[in-house]
Amino acid sequence: MDPSFILMMLLMLAMLYFFMIRPENKRKKDAQNLRDSLKVGDVITTIGGIVGTICKVDENTIVIETSADRVRVEFTKWAVSSKNVAMEQNAG
């Protein structure tokens, strides 16, 4: 085989790793760290777009309050999309 062909294949595999595989693994690790760090009082957004304050944390689930009416909903931790700084409450 031609040495330049082997070098080209190795270069393509390295590019595949650094531009696709490595960033995806980093995103998965960051998402898991976020879910492991959830605690009561955190304001979160679910993957469905529901925003609420955590009022209970179990091993695999969380319970959030979603409005001023104190509606509580239980979600699995994997449904958490992001942790927000503060939740704006609409008075009305």
PDB file of N, CA and C in Angstrom:
ATOM      1  N   MET A   1       0.828  -1.192   0.000  1.00  0.00           N
ATOM      2  CA  MET A   1       0.000   0.000   0.000  1.00  0.00           C
ATOM      3  C   MET A   1       0.865   1.245   0.000  1.00  0.00           C
ATOM      4  N   ASP A   2       0.324   2.262  -0.540  1.00  0.00           N
ATOM      5  CA  ASP A   2       1.003   3.544  -0.629  1.00  0.00           C
ATOM      6  C   ASP A   2       1.022   4.207   0.754  1.00  0.00           C
ATOM      7  N   PRO A   3       2.179   4.648   1.261  1.00  0.00           N
ATOM      8  CA  PRO A   3       2.263   5.287   2.583  1.00  0.00           C
ATOM      9  C   PRO A   3       1.414   6.564   2.687  1.00  0.00           C
ATOM     10  N   SER A   4       1.269   7.285   1.591  1.00  0.00           N
ATOM     11  CA  SER A   4       0.455   8.507   1.649  1.00  0.00           C
ATOM     12  C   SER A   4      -1.031   8.169   1.832  1.00  0.00           C
ATOM     13  N   PHE A   5      -1.479   7.026   1.313  1.00  0.00           N
ATOM     14  CA  PHE A   5      -2.864   6.591   1.492  1.00  0.00           C
ATOM     15  C   PHE A   5      -3.122   6.272   2.970  1.00  0.00           C
ATOM     16  N   ILE A   6      -2.187   5.570   3.587  1.00  0.00           N
ATOM     17  CA  ILE A   6      -2.316   5.222   5.004  1.00  0.00           C
ATOM     18  C   ILE A   6      -2.313   6.491   5.854  1.00  0.00           C
ATOM     19  N   LEU A   7      -1.422   7.408   5.538  1.00  0.00           N
ATOM     20  CA  LEU A   7      -1.364   8.680   6.266  1.00  0.00           C
ATOM     21  C   LEU A   7      -2.671   9.458   6.105  1.00  0.00           C
ATOM     22  N   MET A   8      -3.232   9.469   4.910  1.00  0.00           N
ATOM     23  CA  MET A   8      -4.496  10.164   4.654  1.00  0.00           C
ATOM     24  C   MET A   8      -5.630   9.536   5.465  1.00  0.00           C
ATOM     25  N   MET A   9      -5.688   8.202   5.527  1.00  0.00           N
ATOM     26  CA  MET A   9      -6.727   7.519   6.303  1.00  0.00           C
ATOM     27  C   MET A   9      -6.590   7.825   7.793  1.00  0.00           C
ATOM     28  N   LEU A  10      -5.363   7.809   8.310  1.00  0.00           N
ATOM     29  CA  LEU A  10      -5.149   8.134   9.715  1.00  0.00           C
ATOM     30  C   LEU A  10      -5.557   9.573  10.023  1.00  0.00           C
ATOM     31  N   LEU A  11      -5.247  10.476   9.116  1.00  0.00           N
ATOM     32  CA  LEU A  11      -5.632  11.877   9.284  1.00  0.00           C
ATOM     33  C   LEU A  11      -7.154  12.028   9.288  1.00  0.00           C
ATOM     34  N   MET A  12      -7.840  11.305   8.425  1.00  0.00           N
ATOM     35  CA  MET A  12      -9.306  11.375   8.379  1.00  0.00           C
ATOM     36  C   MET A  12      -9.924  10.800   9.655  1.00  0.00           C
ATOM     37  N   LEU A  13      -9.374   9.712  10.174  1.00  0.00           N
ATOM     38  CA  LEU A  13      -9.868   9.140  11.419  1.00  0.00           C
ATOM     39  C   LEU A  13      -9.643  10.092  12.598  1.00  0.00           C
ATOM     40  N   ALA A  14      -8.496  10.755  12.628  1.00  0.00           N
ATOM     41  CA  ALA A  14      -8.212  11.723  13.690  1.00  0.00           C
ATOM     42  C   ALA A  14      -9.192  12.890  13.622  1.00  0.00           C
ATOM     43  N   MET A  15      -9.480  13.367  12.427  1.00  0.00           N
ATOM     44  CA  MET A  15     -10.437  14.468  12.262  1.00  0.00           C
ATOM     45  C   MET A  15     -11.831  14.033  12.709  1.00  0.00           C
ATOM     46  N   LEU A  16     -12.221  12.810  12.357  1.00  0.00           N
ATOM     47  CA  LEU A  16     -13.515  12.285  12.781  1.00  0.00           C
ATOM     48  C   LEU A  16     -13.611  12.274  14.300  1.00  0.00           C
ATOM     49  N   TYR A  17     -12.566  11.820  14.959  1.00  0.00           N
ATOM     50  CA  TYR A  17     -12.565  11.776  16.417  1.00  0.00           C
ATOM     51  C   TYR A  17     -12.673  13.172  17.010  1.00  0.00           C
ATOM     52  N   PHE A  18     -11.827  14.108  16.577  1.00  0.00           N
ATOM     53  CA  PHE A  18     -11.774  15.433  17.197  1.00  0.00           C
ATOM     54  C   PHE A  18     -12.962  16.318  16.847  1.00  0.00           C
ATOM     55  N   PHE A  19     -13.613  16.098  15.722  1.00  0.00           N
ATOM     56  CA  PHE A  19     -14.733  16.962  15.341  1.00  0.00           C
ATOM     57  C   PHE A  19     -16.105  16.352  15.602  1.00  0.00           C
ATOM     58  N   MET A  20     -16.196  15.044  15.843  1.00  0.00           N
ATOM     59  CA  MET A  20     -17.513  14.428  16.051  1.00  0.00           C
ATOM     60  C   MET A  20     -17.606  13.637  17.348  1.00  0.00           C
ATOM     61  N   ILE A  21     -16.728  12.705  17.573  1.00  0.00           N
ATOM     62  CA  ILE A  21     -16.847  11.799  18.708  1.00  0.00           C
ATOM     63  C   ILE A  21     -16.515  12.497  20.027  1.00  0.00           C
ATOM     64  N   ARG A  22     -15.410  13.205  20.079  1.00  0.00           N
ATOM     65  CA  ARG A  22     -14.981  13.859  21.319  1.00  0.00           C
ATOM     66  C   ARG A  22     -15.983  14.910  21.798  1.00  0.00           C
ATOM     67  N   PRO A  23     -16.485  15.821  20.943  1.00  0.00           N
ATOM     68  CA  PRO A  23     -17.476  16.799  21.417  1.00  0.00           C
ATOM     69  C   PRO A  23     -18.771  16.147  21.917  1.00  0.00           C
ATOM     70  N   GLU A  24     -19.206  15.066  21.279  1.00  0.00           N
ATOM     71  CA  GLU A  24     -20.427  14.388  21.721  1.00  0.00           C
ATOM     72  C   GLU A  24     -20.239  13.773  23.101  1.00  0.00           C
ATOM     73  N   ASN A  25     -19.098  13.155  23.334  1.00  0.00           N
ATOM     74  CA  ASN A  25     -18.822  12.589  24.652  1.00  0.00           C
ATOM     75  C   ASN A  25     -18.758  13.682  25.710  1.00  0.00           C
ATOM     76  N   LYS A  26     -18.217  14.832  25.357  1.00  0.00           N
ATOM     77  CA  LYS A  26     -18.150  15.967  26.296  1.00  0.00           C
ATOM     78  C   LYS A  26     -19.552  16.468  26.626  1.00  0.00           C
ATOM     79  N   ARG A  27     -20.434  16.565  25.634  1.00  0.00           N
ATOM     80  CA  ARG A  27     -21.816  17.000  25.881  1.00  0.00           C
ATOM     81  C   ARG A  27     -22.538  16.019  26.802  1.00  0.00           C
ATOM     82  N   LYS A  28     -22.338  14.726  26.580  1.00  0.00           N
ATOM     83  CA  LYS A  28     -22.967  13.713  27.434  1.00  0.00           C
ATOM     84  C   LYS A  28     -22.471  13.826  28.871  1.00  0.00           C
ATOM     85  N   LYS A  29     -21.170  14.021  29.037  1.00  0.00           N
ATOM     86  CA  LYS A  29     -20.595  14.145  30.370  1.00  0.00           C
ATOM     87  C   LYS A  29     -21.126  15.393  31.071  1.00  0.00           C
ATOM     88  N   ASP A  30     -21.206  16.514  30.360  1.00  0.00           N
ATOM     89  CA  ASP A  30     -21.732  17.755  30.940  1.00  0.00           C
ATOM     90  C   ASP A  30     -23.195  17.598  31.348  1.00  0.00           C
ATOM     91  N   ALA A  31     -23.986  16.926  30.530  1.00  0.00           N
ATOM     92  CA  ALA A  31     -25.400  16.712  30.845  1.00  0.00           C
ATOM     93  C   ALA A  31     -25.538  15.832  32.084  1.00  0.00           C
ATOM     94  N   GLN A  32     -24.716  14.802  32.200  1.00  0.00           N
ATOM     95  CA  GLN A  32     -24.769  13.928  33.375  1.00  0.00           C
ATOM     96  C   GLN A  32     -24.352  14.687  34.630  1.00  0.00           C
ATOM     97  N   ASN A  33     -23.322  15.520  34.527  1.00  0.00           N
ATOM     98  CA  ASN A  33     -22.894  16.330  35.668  1.00  0.00           C
ATOM     99  C   ASN A  33     -23.999  17.284  36.105  1.00  0.00           C
ATOM    100  N   LEU A  34     -24.717  17.875  35.143  1.00  0.00           N
ATOM    101  CA  LEU A  34     -25.834  18.763  35.460  1.00  0.00           C
ATOM    102  C   LEU A  34     -26.901  17.994  36.229  1.00  0.00           C
ATOM    103  N   ARG A  35     -27.262  16.826  35.756  1.00  0.00           N
ATOM    104  CA  ARG A  35     -28.318  16.035  36.403  1.00  0.00           C
ATOM    105  C   ARG A  35     -27.898  15.541  37.778  1.00  0.00           C
ATOM    106  N   ASP A  36     -26.623  15.242  37.945  1.00  0.00           N
ATOM    107  CA  ASP A  36     -26.136  14.799  39.253  1.00  0.00           C
ATOM    108  C   ASP A  36     -26.074  15.942  40.266  1.00  0.00           C
ATOM    109  N   SER A  37     -25.981  17.183  39.794  1.00  0.00           N
ATOM    110  CA  SER A  37     -25.839  18.324  40.701  1.00  0.00           C
ATOM    111  C   SER A  37     -27.165  18.982  41.070  1.00  0.00           C
ATOM    112  N   LEU A  38     -28.291  18.440  40.615  1.00  0.00           N
ATOM    113  CA  LEU A  38     -29.591  19.044  40.918  1.00  0.00           C
ATOM    114  C   LEU A  38     -29.889  18.960  42.406  1.00  0.00           C
ATOM    115  N   LYS A  39     -30.418  20.081  42.947  1.00  0.00           N
ATOM    116  CA  LYS A  39     -30.780  20.110  44.354  1.00  0.00           C
ATOM    117  C   LYS A  39     -32.061  20.910  44.531  1.00  0.00           C
ATOM    118  N   VAL A  40     -32.686  20.765  45.683  1.00  0.00           N
ATOM    119  CA  VAL A  40     -33.926  21.475  45.989  1.00  0.00           C
ATOM    120  C   VAL A  40     -33.676  22.979  45.898  1.00  0.00           C
ATOM    121  N   GLY A  41     -34.605  23.673  45.236  1.00  0.00           N
ATOM    122  CA  GLY A  41     -34.498  25.120  45.069  1.00  0.00           C
ATOM    123  C   GLY A  41     -33.968  25.548  43.717  1.00  0.00           C
ATOM    124  N   ASP A  42     -33.330  24.620  42.974  1.00  0.00           N
ATOM    125  CA  ASP A  42     -32.834  24.960  41.638  1.00  0.00           C
ATOM    126  C   ASP A  42     -34.012  25.179  40.692  1.00  0.00           C
ATOM    127  N   VAL A  43     -33.865  26.142  39.799  1.00  0.00           N
ATOM    128  CA  VAL A  43     -34.858  26.392  38.759  1.00  0.00           C
ATOM    129  C   VAL A  43     -34.354  25.711  37.497  1.00  0.00           C
ATOM    130  N   ILE A  44     -35.191  24.841  36.907  1.00  0.00           N
ATOM    131  CA  ILE A  44     -34.766  24.051  35.750  1.00  0.00           C
ATOM    132  C   ILE A  44     -35.761  24.199  34.597  1.00  0.00           C
ATOM    133  N   THR A  45     -35.307  23.829  33.415  1.00  0.00           N
ATOM    134  CA  THR A  45     -36.161  23.717  32.240  1.00  0.00           C
ATOM    135  C   THR A  45     -36.054  22.287  31.744  1.00  0.00           C
ATOM    136  N   THR A  46     -37.198  21.670  31.448  1.00  0.00           N
ATOM    137  CA  THR A  46     -37.188  20.298  30.947  1.00  0.00           C
ATOM    138  C   THR A  46     -37.004  20.300  29.432  1.00  0.00           C
ATOM    139  N   ILE A  47     -36.792  19.122  28.864  1.00  0.00           N
ATOM    140  CA  ILE A  47     -36.638  19.018  27.413  1.00  0.00           C
ATOM    141  C   ILE A  47     -37.944  19.354  26.703  1.00  0.00           C
ATOM    142  N   GLY A  48     -39.057  19.332  27.436  1.00  0.00           N
ATOM    143  CA  GLY A  48     -40.352  19.710  26.870  1.00  0.00           C
ATOM    144  C   GLY A  48     -40.652  21.187  27.011  1.00  0.00           C
ATOM    145  N   GLY A  49     -39.754  21.946  27.664  1.00  0.00           N
ATOM    146  CA  GLY A  49     -39.928  23.381  27.804  1.00  0.00           C
ATOM    147  C   GLY A  49     -40.643  23.805  29.075  1.00  0.00           C
ATOM    148  N   ILE A  50     -40.886  22.891  29.992  1.00  0.00           N
ATOM    149  CA  ILE A  50     -41.550  23.235  31.246  1.00  0.00           C
ATOM    150  C   ILE A  50     -40.509  23.791  32.212  1.00  0.00           C
ATOM    151  N   VAL A  51     -40.818  24.954  32.798  1.00  0.00           N
ATOM    152  CA  VAL A  51     -39.915  25.606  33.729  1.00  0.00           C
ATOM    153  C   VAL A  51     -40.495  25.483  35.127  1.00  0.00           C
ATOM    154  N   GLY A  52     -39.655  25.152  36.098  1.00  0.00           N
ATOM    155  CA  GLY A  52     -40.132  25.036  37.465  1.00  0.00           C
ATOM    156  C   GLY A  52     -38.996  24.982  38.458  1.00  0.00           C
ATOM    157  N   THR A  53     -39.368  25.043  39.740  1.00  0.00           N
ATOM    158  CA  THR A  53     -38.411  24.991  40.836  1.00  0.00           C
ATOM    159  C   THR A  53     -38.453  23.607  41.462  1.00  0.00           C
ATOM    160  N   ILE A  54     -37.291  23.018  41.674  1.00  0.00           N
ATOM    161  CA  ILE A  54     -37.215  21.680  42.245  1.00  0.00           C
ATOM    162  C   ILE A  54     -37.622  21.733  43.711  1.00  0.00           C
ATOM    163  N   CYS A  55     -38.545  20.847  44.093  1.00  0.00           N
ATOM    164  CA  CYS A  55     -38.947  20.774  45.500  1.00  0.00           C
ATOM    165  C   CYS A  55     -38.632  19.414  46.118  1.00  0.00           C
ATOM    166  N   LYS A  56     -38.210  18.424  45.307  1.00  0.00           N
ATOM    167  CA  LYS A  56     -37.815  17.116  45.826  1.00  0.00           C
ATOM    168  C   LYS A  56     -36.892  16.444  44.817  1.00  0.00           C
ATOM    169  N   VAL A  57     -35.825  15.823  45.323  1.00  0.00           N
ATOM    170  CA  VAL A  57     -34.879  15.114  44.464  1.00  0.00           C
ATOM    171  C   VAL A  57     -34.738  13.684  44.977  1.00  0.00           C
ATOM    172  N   ASP A  58     -34.985  12.710  44.103  1.00  0.00           N
ATOM    173  CA  ASP A  58     -34.763  11.301  44.404  1.00  0.00           C
ATOM    174  C   ASP A  58     -33.604  10.807  43.550  1.00  0.00           C
ATOM    175  N   GLU A  59     -33.313   9.523  43.621  1.00  0.00           N
ATOM    176  CA  GLU A  59     -32.189   8.969  42.868  1.00  0.00           C
ATOM    177  C   GLU A  59     -32.359   9.146  41.363  1.00  0.00           C
ATOM    178  N   ASN A  60     -33.557   8.844  40.834  1.00  0.00           N
ATOM    179  CA  ASN A  60     -33.786   8.913  39.391  1.00  0.00           C
ATOM    180  C   ASN A  60     -34.827   9.942  38.982  1.00  0.00           C
ATOM    181  N   THR A  61     -35.509  10.555  39.929  1.00  0.00           N
ATOM    182  CA  THR A  61     -36.576  11.492  39.599  1.00  0.00           C
ATOM    183  C   THR A  61     -36.443  12.786  40.389  1.00  0.00           C
ATOM    184  N   ILE A  62     -37.152  13.802  39.907  1.00  0.00           N
ATOM    185  CA  ILE A  62     -37.272  15.070  40.618  1.00  0.00           C
ATOM    186  C   ILE A  62     -38.738  15.483  40.596  1.00  0.00           C
ATOM    187  N   VAL A  63     -39.142  16.295  41.555  1.00  0.00           N
ATOM    188  CA  VAL A  63     -40.476  16.874  41.580  1.00  0.00           C
ATOM    189  C   VAL A  63     -40.287  18.385  41.518  1.00  0.00           C
ATOM    190  N   ILE A  64     -41.004  19.033  40.585  1.00  0.00           N
ATOM    191  CA  ILE A  64     -40.888  20.480  40.452  1.00  0.00           C
ATOM    192  C   ILE A  64     -42.243  21.137  40.653  1.00  0.00           C
ATOM    193  N   GLU A  65     -42.188  22.399  41.128  1.00  0.00           N
ATOM    194  CA  GLU A  65     -43.375  23.253  41.179  1.00  0.00           C
ATOM    195  C   GLU A  65     -43.318  24.139  39.953  1.00  0.00           C
ATOM    196  N   THR A  66     -44.412  24.165  39.185  1.00  0.00           N
ATOM    197  CA  THR A  66     -44.368  24.831  37.896  1.00  0.00           C
ATOM    198  C   THR A  66     -45.028  26.197  37.848  1.00  0.00           C
ATOM    199  N   SER A  67     -45.738  26.610  38.898  1.00  0.00           N
ATOM    200  CA  SER A  67     -46.407  27.908  38.820  1.00  0.00           C
ATOM    201  C   SER A  67     -46.693  28.431  40.209  1.00  0.00           C
ATOM    202  N   ALA A  68     -47.266  29.619  40.260  1.00  0.00           N
ATOM    203  CA  ALA A  68     -47.645  30.225  41.526  1.00  0.00           C
ATOM    204  C   ALA A  68     -48.766  29.438  42.194  1.00  0.00           C
ATOM    205  N   ASP A  69     -49.485  28.603  41.434  1.00  0.00           N
ATOM    206  CA  ASP A  69     -50.551  27.768  41.987  1.00  0.00           C
ATOM    207  C   ASP A  69     -49.995  26.528  42.684  1.00  0.00           C
ATOM    208  N   ARG A  70     -48.671  26.399  42.711  1.00  0.00           N
ATOM    209  CA  ARG A  70     -47.970  25.295  43.372  1.00  0.00           C
ATOM    210  C   ARG A  70     -48.308  23.934  42.760  1.00  0.00           C
ATOM    211  N   VAL A  71     -48.434  23.909  41.453  1.00  0.00           N
ATOM    212  CA  VAL A  71     -48.664  22.648  40.745  1.00  0.00           C
ATOM    213  C   VAL A  71     -47.352  21.873  40.758  1.00  0.00           C
ATOM    214  N   ARG A  72     -47.404  20.634  41.224  1.00  0.00           N
ATOM    215  CA  ARG A  72     -46.194  19.805  41.303  1.00  0.00           C
ATOM    216  C   ARG A  72     -46.261  18.689  40.272  1.00  0.00           C
ATOM    217  N   VAL A  73     -45.137  18.502  39.587  1.00  0.00           N
ATOM    218  CA  VAL A  73     -45.037  17.487  38.540  1.00  0.00           C
ATOM    219  C   VAL A  73     -43.737  16.709  38.761  1.00  0.00           C
ATOM    220  N   GLU A  74     -43.802  15.396  38.585  1.00  0.00           N
ATOM    221  CA  GLU A  74     -42.622  14.551  38.748  1.00  0.00           C
ATOM    222  C   GLU A  74     -42.032  14.210  37.376  1.00  0.00           C
ATOM    223  N   PHE A  75     -40.711  14.317  37.258  1.00  0.00           N
ATOM    224  CA  PHE A  75     -39.993  14.013  36.027  1.00  0.00           C
ATOM    225  C   PHE A  75     -38.812  13.108  36.349  1.00  0.00           C
ATOM    226  N   THR A  76     -38.373  12.348  35.348  1.00  0.00           N
ATOM    227  CA  THR A  76     -37.105  11.645  35.498  1.00  0.00           C
ATOM    228  C   THR A  76     -35.990  12.661  35.291  1.00  0.00           C
ATOM    229  N   LYS A  77     -34.841  12.409  35.873  1.00  0.00           N
ATOM    230  CA  LYS A  77     -33.736  13.374  35.795  1.00  0.00           C
ATOM    231  C   LYS A  77     -33.256  13.596  34.365  1.00  0.00           C
ATOM    232  N   TRP A  78     -33.365  12.567  33.515  1.00  0.00           N
ATOM    233  CA  TRP A  78     -32.870  12.739  32.139  1.00  0.00           C
ATOM    234  C   TRP A  78     -33.711  13.736  31.355  1.00  0.00           C
ATOM    235  N   ALA A  79     -34.898  14.104  31.868  1.00  0.00           N
ATOM    236  CA  ALA A  79     -35.752  15.069  31.174  1.00  0.00           C
ATOM    237  C   ALA A  79     -35.328  16.510  31.425  1.00  0.00           C
ATOM    238  N   VAL A  80     -34.330  16.733  32.275  1.00  0.00           N
ATOM    239  CA  VAL A  80     -33.864  18.091  32.564  1.00  0.00           C
ATOM    240  C   VAL A  80     -32.953  18.554  31.438  1.00  0.00           C
ATOM    241  N   SER A  81     -33.288  19.705  30.872  1.00  0.00           N
ATOM    242  CA  SER A  81     -32.504  20.258  29.771  1.00  0.00           C
ATOM    243  C   SER A  81     -31.445  21.240  30.262  1.00  0.00           C
ATOM    244  N   SER A  82     -31.842  22.134  31.182  1.00  0.00           N
ATOM    245  CA  SER A  82     -30.901  23.137  31.673  1.00  0.00           C
ATOM    246  C   SER A  82     -31.303  23.616  33.052  1.00  0.00           C
ATOM    247  N   LYS A  83     -30.316  24.195  33.739  1.00  0.00           N
ATOM    248  CA  LYS A  83     -30.554  24.800  35.037  1.00  0.00           C
ATOM    249  C   LYS A  83     -30.502  26.310  34.830  1.00  0.00           C
ATOM    250  N   ASN A  84     -31.561  27.003  35.231  1.00  0.00           N
ATOM    251  CA  ASN A  84     -31.670  28.438  35.018  1.00  0.00           C
ATOM    252  C   ASN A  84     -31.209  29.196  36.252  1.00  0.00           C
ATOM    253  N   VAL A  85     -30.872  30.474  36.043  1.00  0.00           N
ATOM    254  CA  VAL A  85     -30.439  31.316  37.153  1.00  0.00           C
ATOM    255  C   VAL A  85     -31.629  31.718  38.005  1.00  0.00           C
ATOM    256  N   ALA A  86     -32.678  32.200  37.371  1.00  0.00           N
ATOM    257  CA  ALA A  86     -33.863  32.633  38.131  1.00  0.00           C
ATOM    258  C   ALA A  86     -35.088  32.469  37.249  1.00  0.00           C
ATOM    259  N   MET A  87     -36.225  32.239  37.892  1.00  0.00           N
ATOM    260  CA  MET A  87     -37.486  32.079  37.162  1.00  0.00           C
ATOM    261  C   MET A  87     -38.304  33.346  37.342  1.00  0.00           C
ATOM    262  N   GLU A  88     -38.793  33.880  36.239  1.00  0.00           N
ATOM    263  CA  GLU A  88     -39.635  35.066  36.304  1.00  0.00           C
ATOM    264  C   GLU A  88     -41.067  34.630  36.533  1.00  0.00           C
ATOM    265  N   GLN A  89     -41.707  35.183  37.551  1.00  0.00           N
ATOM    266  CA  GLN A  89     -43.087  34.869  37.871  1.00  0.00           C
ATOM    267  C   GLN A  89     -43.979  35.979  37.326  1.00  0.00           C
ATOM    268  N   ASN A  90     -45.004  35.593  36.580  1.00  0.00           N
ATOM    269  CA  ASN A  90     -45.960  36.567  36.059  1.00  0.00           C
ATOM    270  C   ASN A  90     -47.086  36.759  37.053  1.00  0.00           C
ATOM    271  N   ALA A  91     -47.297  37.974  37.478  1.00  0.00           N
ATOM    272  CA  ALA A  91     -48.400  38.274  38.383  1.00  0.00           C
ATOM    273  C   ALA A  91     -49.595  38.671  37.526  1.00  0.00           C
ATOM    274  N   GLY A  92     -50.644  37.926  37.653  1.00  0.00           N
ATOM    275  CA  GLY A  92     -51.759  38.323  36.830  1.00  0.00           C
ATOM    276  C   GLY A  92     -52.783  37.335  36.836  1.00  0.00           C
TER     277      GLY A  92
END
